Amino acid sequence: MRYRLTFVSGLAVGYVLGTRAGREQYERLRKAAHRVTQNPAVHDAAKNALDAGRTAAARAADTVAGAAGDKLPDQITERVRYLREHGSDDGWGSDTA
């Protein structure tokens, strides 16, 4: 899905940069992109993907922590503990709110 989205985005950018139709075609494409980004279904899909990614990351962290035991650096152990105690807002700008 990511590759398809990247491909479509590339086509859109290529069209905008390569078109000789002028500002009218650009504005039409920009409005269509805006409608897509404002669509509630797109927001729901993005939220679901974010939640699934966070769940998978938490499972992976548990697996790695269980397998590595005390071999993990203290910084990683502290970061995982902090994220578990303070929720999913990790400060990386991935919050969709």
N, C-alpha and C. Protein backbone atom coordinates (compact mmCIF):
# COMPACT_ATOMS: atom_id res chain seq x y z
N MET A 1 0.83 -1.19 0.00
CA MET A 1 0.00 0.00 0.00
C MET A 1 0.87 1.25 0.00
N ARG A 2 1.95 1.22 0.76
CA ARG A 2 2.82 2.39 0.84
C ARG A 2 3.43 2.68 -0.54
N TYR A 3 3.81 1.64 -1.25
CA TYR A 3 4.43 1.84 -2.56
C TYR A 3 3.42 2.38 -3.56
N ARG A 4 2.19 1.92 -3.45
CA ARG A 4 1.14 2.42 -4.34
C ARG A 4 0.90 3.90 -4.08
N LEU A 5 0.83 4.27 -2.80
CA LEU A 5 0.61 5.66 -2.44
C LEU A 5 1.78 6.54 -2.90
N THR A 6 3.00 6.03 -2.76
CA THR A 6 4.18 6.76 -3.22
C THR A 6 4.13 6.94 -4.73
N PHE A 7 3.73 5.88 -5.43
CA PHE A 7 3.65 5.96 -6.89
C PHE A 7 2.63 6.99 -7.33
N VAL A 8 1.44 6.96 -6.72
CA VAL A 8 0.38 7.91 -7.07
C VAL A 8 0.83 9.33 -6.74
N SER A 9 1.49 9.50 -5.60
CA SER A 9 1.98 10.84 -5.24
C SER A 9 3.01 11.31 -6.27
N GLY A 10 3.88 10.41 -6.70
CA GLY A 10 4.86 10.75 -7.72
C GLY A 10 4.21 11.15 -9.03
N LEU A 11 3.16 10.43 -9.40
CA LEU A 11 2.43 10.80 -10.61
C LEU A 11 1.82 12.19 -10.49
N ALA A 12 1.24 12.47 -9.34
CA ALA A 12 0.62 13.78 -9.13
C ALA A 12 1.66 14.89 -9.20
N VAL A 13 2.78 14.70 -8.55
CA VAL A 13 3.84 15.71 -8.57
C VAL A 13 4.38 15.87 -9.98
N GLY A 14 4.59 14.76 -10.67
CA GLY A 14 5.06 14.82 -12.05
C GLY A 14 4.09 15.55 -12.96
N TYR A 15 2.83 15.30 -12.74
CA TYR A 15 1.81 15.98 -13.55
C TYR A 15 1.84 17.49 -13.31
N VAL A 16 1.91 17.85 -12.02
CA VAL A 16 1.91 19.28 -11.69
C VAL A 16 3.14 19.96 -12.28
N LEU A 17 4.29 19.32 -12.14
CA LEU A 17 5.53 19.94 -12.63
C LEU A 17 5.64 19.89 -14.15
N GLY A 18 5.06 18.87 -14.76
CA GLY A 18 5.22 18.69 -16.19
C GLY A 18 4.10 19.23 -17.05
N THR A 19 3.02 19.62 -16.46
CA THR A 19 1.88 20.04 -17.26
C THR A 19 2.10 21.41 -17.89
N ARG A 20 1.51 21.57 -19.04
CA ARG A 20 1.54 22.88 -19.69
C ARG A 20 0.16 23.51 -19.65
N ALA A 21 -0.75 22.86 -18.92
CA ALA A 21 -2.12 23.35 -18.86
C ALA A 21 -2.25 24.60 -18.00
N GLY A 22 -1.28 24.84 -17.16
CA GLY A 22 -1.28 26.07 -16.39
C GLY A 22 -1.90 25.96 -15.01
N ARG A 23 -2.21 27.10 -14.47
CA ARG A 23 -2.66 27.23 -13.08
C ARG A 23 -4.00 26.52 -12.84
N GLU A 24 -4.87 26.50 -13.83
CA GLU A 24 -6.19 25.90 -13.66
C GLU A 24 -6.09 24.40 -13.31
N GLN A 25 -5.26 23.69 -14.03
CA GLN A 25 -5.08 22.26 -13.75
C GLN A 25 -4.43 22.05 -12.38
N TYR A 26 -3.49 22.90 -12.04
CA TYR A 26 -2.84 22.82 -10.73
C TYR A 26 -3.86 23.02 -9.62
N GLU A 27 -4.70 24.03 -9.75
CA GLU A 27 -5.71 24.30 -8.72
C GLU A 27 -6.70 23.15 -8.61
N ARG A 28 -7.09 22.55 -9.71
CA ARG A 28 -8.00 21.42 -9.69
C ARG A 28 -7.37 20.23 -8.96
N LEU A 29 -6.11 19.96 -9.24
CA LEU A 29 -5.41 18.87 -8.57
C LEU A 29 -5.23 19.16 -7.08
N ARG A 30 -4.92 20.41 -6.74
CA ARG A 30 -4.73 20.78 -5.34
C ARG A 30 -6.04 20.62 -4.56
N LYS A 31 -7.15 21.03 -5.15
CA LYS A 31 -8.45 20.88 -4.49
C LYS A 31 -8.81 19.41 -4.30
N ALA A 32 -8.50 18.58 -5.28
CA ALA A 32 -8.78 17.15 -5.16
C ALA A 32 -7.95 16.54 -4.04
N ALA A 33 -6.68 16.92 -3.96
CA ALA A 33 -5.82 16.41 -2.89
C ALA A 33 -6.32 16.87 -1.53
N HIS A 34 -6.80 18.10 -1.45
CA HIS A 34 -7.33 18.62 -0.20
C HIS A 34 -8.57 17.84 0.23
N ARG A 35 -9.45 17.53 -0.74
CA ARG A 35 -10.65 16.75 -0.42
C ARG A 35 -10.27 15.37 0.12
N VAL A 36 -9.25 14.76 -0.47
CA VAL A 36 -8.82 13.44 -0.01
C VAL A 36 -8.28 13.53 1.41
N THR A 37 -7.45 14.52 1.69
CA THR A 37 -6.86 14.62 3.02
C THR A 37 -7.88 14.99 4.09
N GLN A 38 -8.97 15.64 3.70
CA GLN A 38 -10.00 16.01 4.67
C GLN A 38 -11.09 14.96 4.82
N ASN A 39 -11.01 13.89 4.06
CA ASN A 39 -12.01 12.83 4.10
C ASN A 39 -11.93 12.09 5.43
N PRO A 40 -13.05 11.92 6.15
CA PRO A 40 -13.02 11.20 7.42
C PRO A 40 -12.54 9.75 7.28
N ALA A 41 -12.81 9.12 6.17
CA ALA A 41 -12.35 7.74 5.97
C ALA A 41 -10.82 7.69 5.92
N VAL A 42 -10.20 8.70 5.33
CA VAL A 42 -8.74 8.76 5.28
C VAL A 42 -8.18 8.97 6.68
N HIS A 43 -8.82 9.83 7.47
CA HIS A 43 -8.39 10.06 8.84
C HIS A 43 -8.52 8.78 9.67
N ASP A 44 -9.63 8.06 9.48
CA ASP A 44 -9.83 6.80 10.21
C ASP A 44 -8.77 5.78 9.82
N ALA A 45 -8.48 5.68 8.53
CA ALA A 45 -7.47 4.73 8.07
C ALA A 45 -6.09 5.09 8.63
N ALA A 46 -5.77 6.37 8.66
CA ALA A 46 -4.49 6.80 9.22
C ALA A 46 -4.41 6.49 10.71
N LYS A 47 -5.51 6.72 11.43
CA LYS A 47 -5.53 6.43 12.86
C LYS A 47 -5.39 4.93 13.11
N ASN A 48 -6.09 4.13 12.32
CA ASN A 48 -5.99 2.68 12.47
C ASN A 48 -4.58 2.19 12.18
N ALA A 49 -3.95 2.75 11.15
CA ALA A 49 -2.58 2.37 10.82
C ALA A 49 -1.62 2.77 11.94
N LEU A 50 -1.83 3.95 12.50
CA LEU A 50 -0.99 4.41 13.60
C LEU A 50 -1.15 3.51 14.83
N ASP A 51 -2.40 3.18 15.16
CA ASP A 51 -2.65 2.29 16.30
C ASP A 51 -2.03 0.91 16.07
N ALA A 52 -2.17 0.39 14.86
CA ALA A 52 -1.59 -0.92 14.55
C ALA A 52 -0.07 -0.88 14.65
N GLY A 53 0.52 0.21 14.19
CA GLY A 53 1.97 0.35 14.28
C GLY A 53 2.45 0.44 15.72
N ARG A 54 1.71 1.18 16.53
CA ARG A 54 2.09 1.28 17.94
C ARG A 54 1.96 -0.06 18.65
N THR A 55 0.89 -0.80 18.33
CA THR A 55 0.70 -2.12 18.93
C THR A 55 1.83 -3.06 18.52
N ALA A 56 2.16 -3.06 17.25
CA ALA A 56 3.25 -3.91 16.77
C ALA A 56 4.58 -3.51 17.40
N ALA A 57 4.81 -2.22 17.53
CA ALA A 57 6.06 -1.75 18.14
C ALA A 57 6.14 -2.16 19.61
N ALA A 58 5.01 -2.09 20.31
CA ALA A 58 5.01 -2.49 21.72
C ALA A 58 5.30 -3.99 21.85
N ARG A 59 4.68 -4.80 20.97
CA ARG A 59 4.94 -6.24 21.00
C ARG A 59 6.40 -6.53 20.68
N ALA A 60 6.94 -5.82 19.70
CA ALA A 60 8.34 -6.03 19.33
C ALA A 60 9.26 -5.63 20.47
N ALA A 61 8.95 -4.53 21.15
CA ALA A 61 9.77 -4.09 22.28
C ALA A 61 9.73 -5.13 23.39
N ASP A 62 8.55 -5.68 23.66
CA ASP A 62 8.45 -6.72 24.68
C ASP A 62 9.28 -7.96 24.30
N THR A 63 9.20 -8.34 23.04
CA THR A 63 9.94 -9.51 22.57
C THR A 63 11.44 -9.28 22.68
N VAL A 64 11.88 -8.12 22.24
CA VAL A 64 13.31 -7.81 22.29
C VAL A 64 13.78 -7.71 23.74
N ALA A 65 12.99 -7.05 24.58
CA ALA A 65 13.38 -6.91 25.98
C ALA A 65 13.44 -8.28 26.65
N GLY A 66 12.50 -9.16 26.32
CA GLY A 66 12.51 -10.49 26.90
C GLY A 66 13.69 -11.32 26.42
N ALA A 67 14.04 -11.18 25.15
CA ALA A 67 15.14 -11.96 24.59
C ALA A 67 16.50 -11.40 25.01
N ALA A 68 16.59 -10.08 25.09
CA ALA A 68 17.88 -9.47 25.40
C ALA A 68 18.14 -9.38 26.89
N GLY A 69 17.07 -9.32 27.67
CA GLY A 69 17.23 -9.26 29.12
C GLY A 69 18.01 -8.04 29.55
N ASP A 70 19.06 -8.25 30.30
CA ASP A 70 19.88 -7.15 30.83
C ASP A 70 20.93 -6.66 29.84
N LYS A 71 20.91 -7.17 28.65
CA LYS A 71 21.91 -6.77 27.66
C LYS A 71 21.58 -5.45 26.97
N LEU A 72 20.34 -4.96 27.14
CA LEU A 72 19.96 -3.69 26.52
C LEU A 72 20.63 -2.53 27.26
N PRO A 73 21.02 -1.49 26.51
CA PRO A 73 21.58 -0.30 27.17
C PRO A 73 20.54 0.35 28.07
N ASP A 74 21.02 1.00 29.11
CA ASP A 74 20.13 1.64 30.08
C ASP A 74 19.23 2.69 29.42
N GLN A 75 19.74 3.41 28.43
CA GLN A 75 18.95 4.44 27.76
C GLN A 75 17.71 3.85 27.10
N ILE A 76 17.85 2.72 26.48
CA ILE A 76 16.70 2.08 25.82
C ILE A 76 15.72 1.58 26.86
N THR A 77 16.22 0.96 27.90
CA THR A 77 15.35 0.46 28.95
C THR A 77 14.56 1.60 29.59
N GLU A 78 15.22 2.72 29.84
CA GLU A 78 14.54 3.88 30.43
C GLU A 78 13.50 4.46 29.48
N ARG A 79 13.82 4.51 28.19
CA ARG A 79 12.87 5.06 27.21
C ARG A 79 11.62 4.19 27.11
N VAL A 80 11.79 2.88 27.08
CA VAL A 80 10.64 1.96 27.02
C VAL A 80 9.80 2.11 28.28
N ARG A 81 10.44 2.20 29.43
CA ARG A 81 9.72 2.37 30.69
C ARG A 81 8.95 3.69 30.69
N TYR A 82 9.57 4.76 30.20
CA TYR A 82 8.92 6.07 30.13
C TYR A 82 7.68 6.02 29.24
N LEU A 83 7.81 5.42 28.07
CA LEU A 83 6.68 5.35 27.13
C LEU A 83 5.53 4.53 27.71
N ARG A 84 5.84 3.49 28.44
CA ARG A 84 4.78 2.69 29.05
C ARG A 84 4.07 3.47 30.15
N GLU A 85 4.80 4.25 30.90
CA GLU A 85 4.21 5.00 32.01
C GLU A 85 3.44 6.23 31.53
N HIS A 86 3.86 6.85 30.45
CA HIS A 86 3.27 8.12 30.01
C HIS A 86 2.40 7.98 28.77
N GLY A 87 2.05 6.81 28.38
CA GLY A 87 1.16 6.62 27.24
C GLY A 87 1.89 6.64 25.92
N SER A 88 1.12 6.80 24.86
CA SER A 88 1.67 6.65 23.52
C SER A 88 2.24 7.93 22.94
N ASP A 89 2.09 9.07 23.60
CA ASP A 89 2.64 10.31 23.07
C ASP A 89 4.15 10.29 23.28
N ASP A 90 4.88 9.92 22.25
CA ASP A 90 6.31 9.74 22.38
C ASP A 90 7.13 10.98 22.02
N GLY A 91 6.45 12.07 21.65
CA GLY A 91 7.16 13.30 21.36
C GLY A 91 7.81 13.33 19.99
N TRP A 92 7.50 12.38 19.13
CA TRP A 92 8.11 12.33 17.81
C TRP A 92 7.22 12.95 16.75
N GLY A 93 6.11 13.57 17.14
CA GLY A 93 5.25 14.23 16.17
C GLY A 93 4.33 13.30 15.42
N SER A 94 4.13 12.09 15.93
CA SER A 94 3.29 11.13 15.21
C SER A 94 1.85 11.15 15.71
N ASP A 95 1.51 12.07 16.59
CA ASP A 95 0.15 12.14 17.11
C ASP A 95 -0.75 12.76 16.06
N THR A 96 -1.90 12.16 15.79
CA THR A 96 -2.80 12.63 14.75
C THR A 96 -3.83 13.61 15.25
N ALA A 97 -3.80 13.95 16.52
CA ALA A 97 -4.82 14.85 17.10
C ALA A 97 -4.66 16.25 16.62
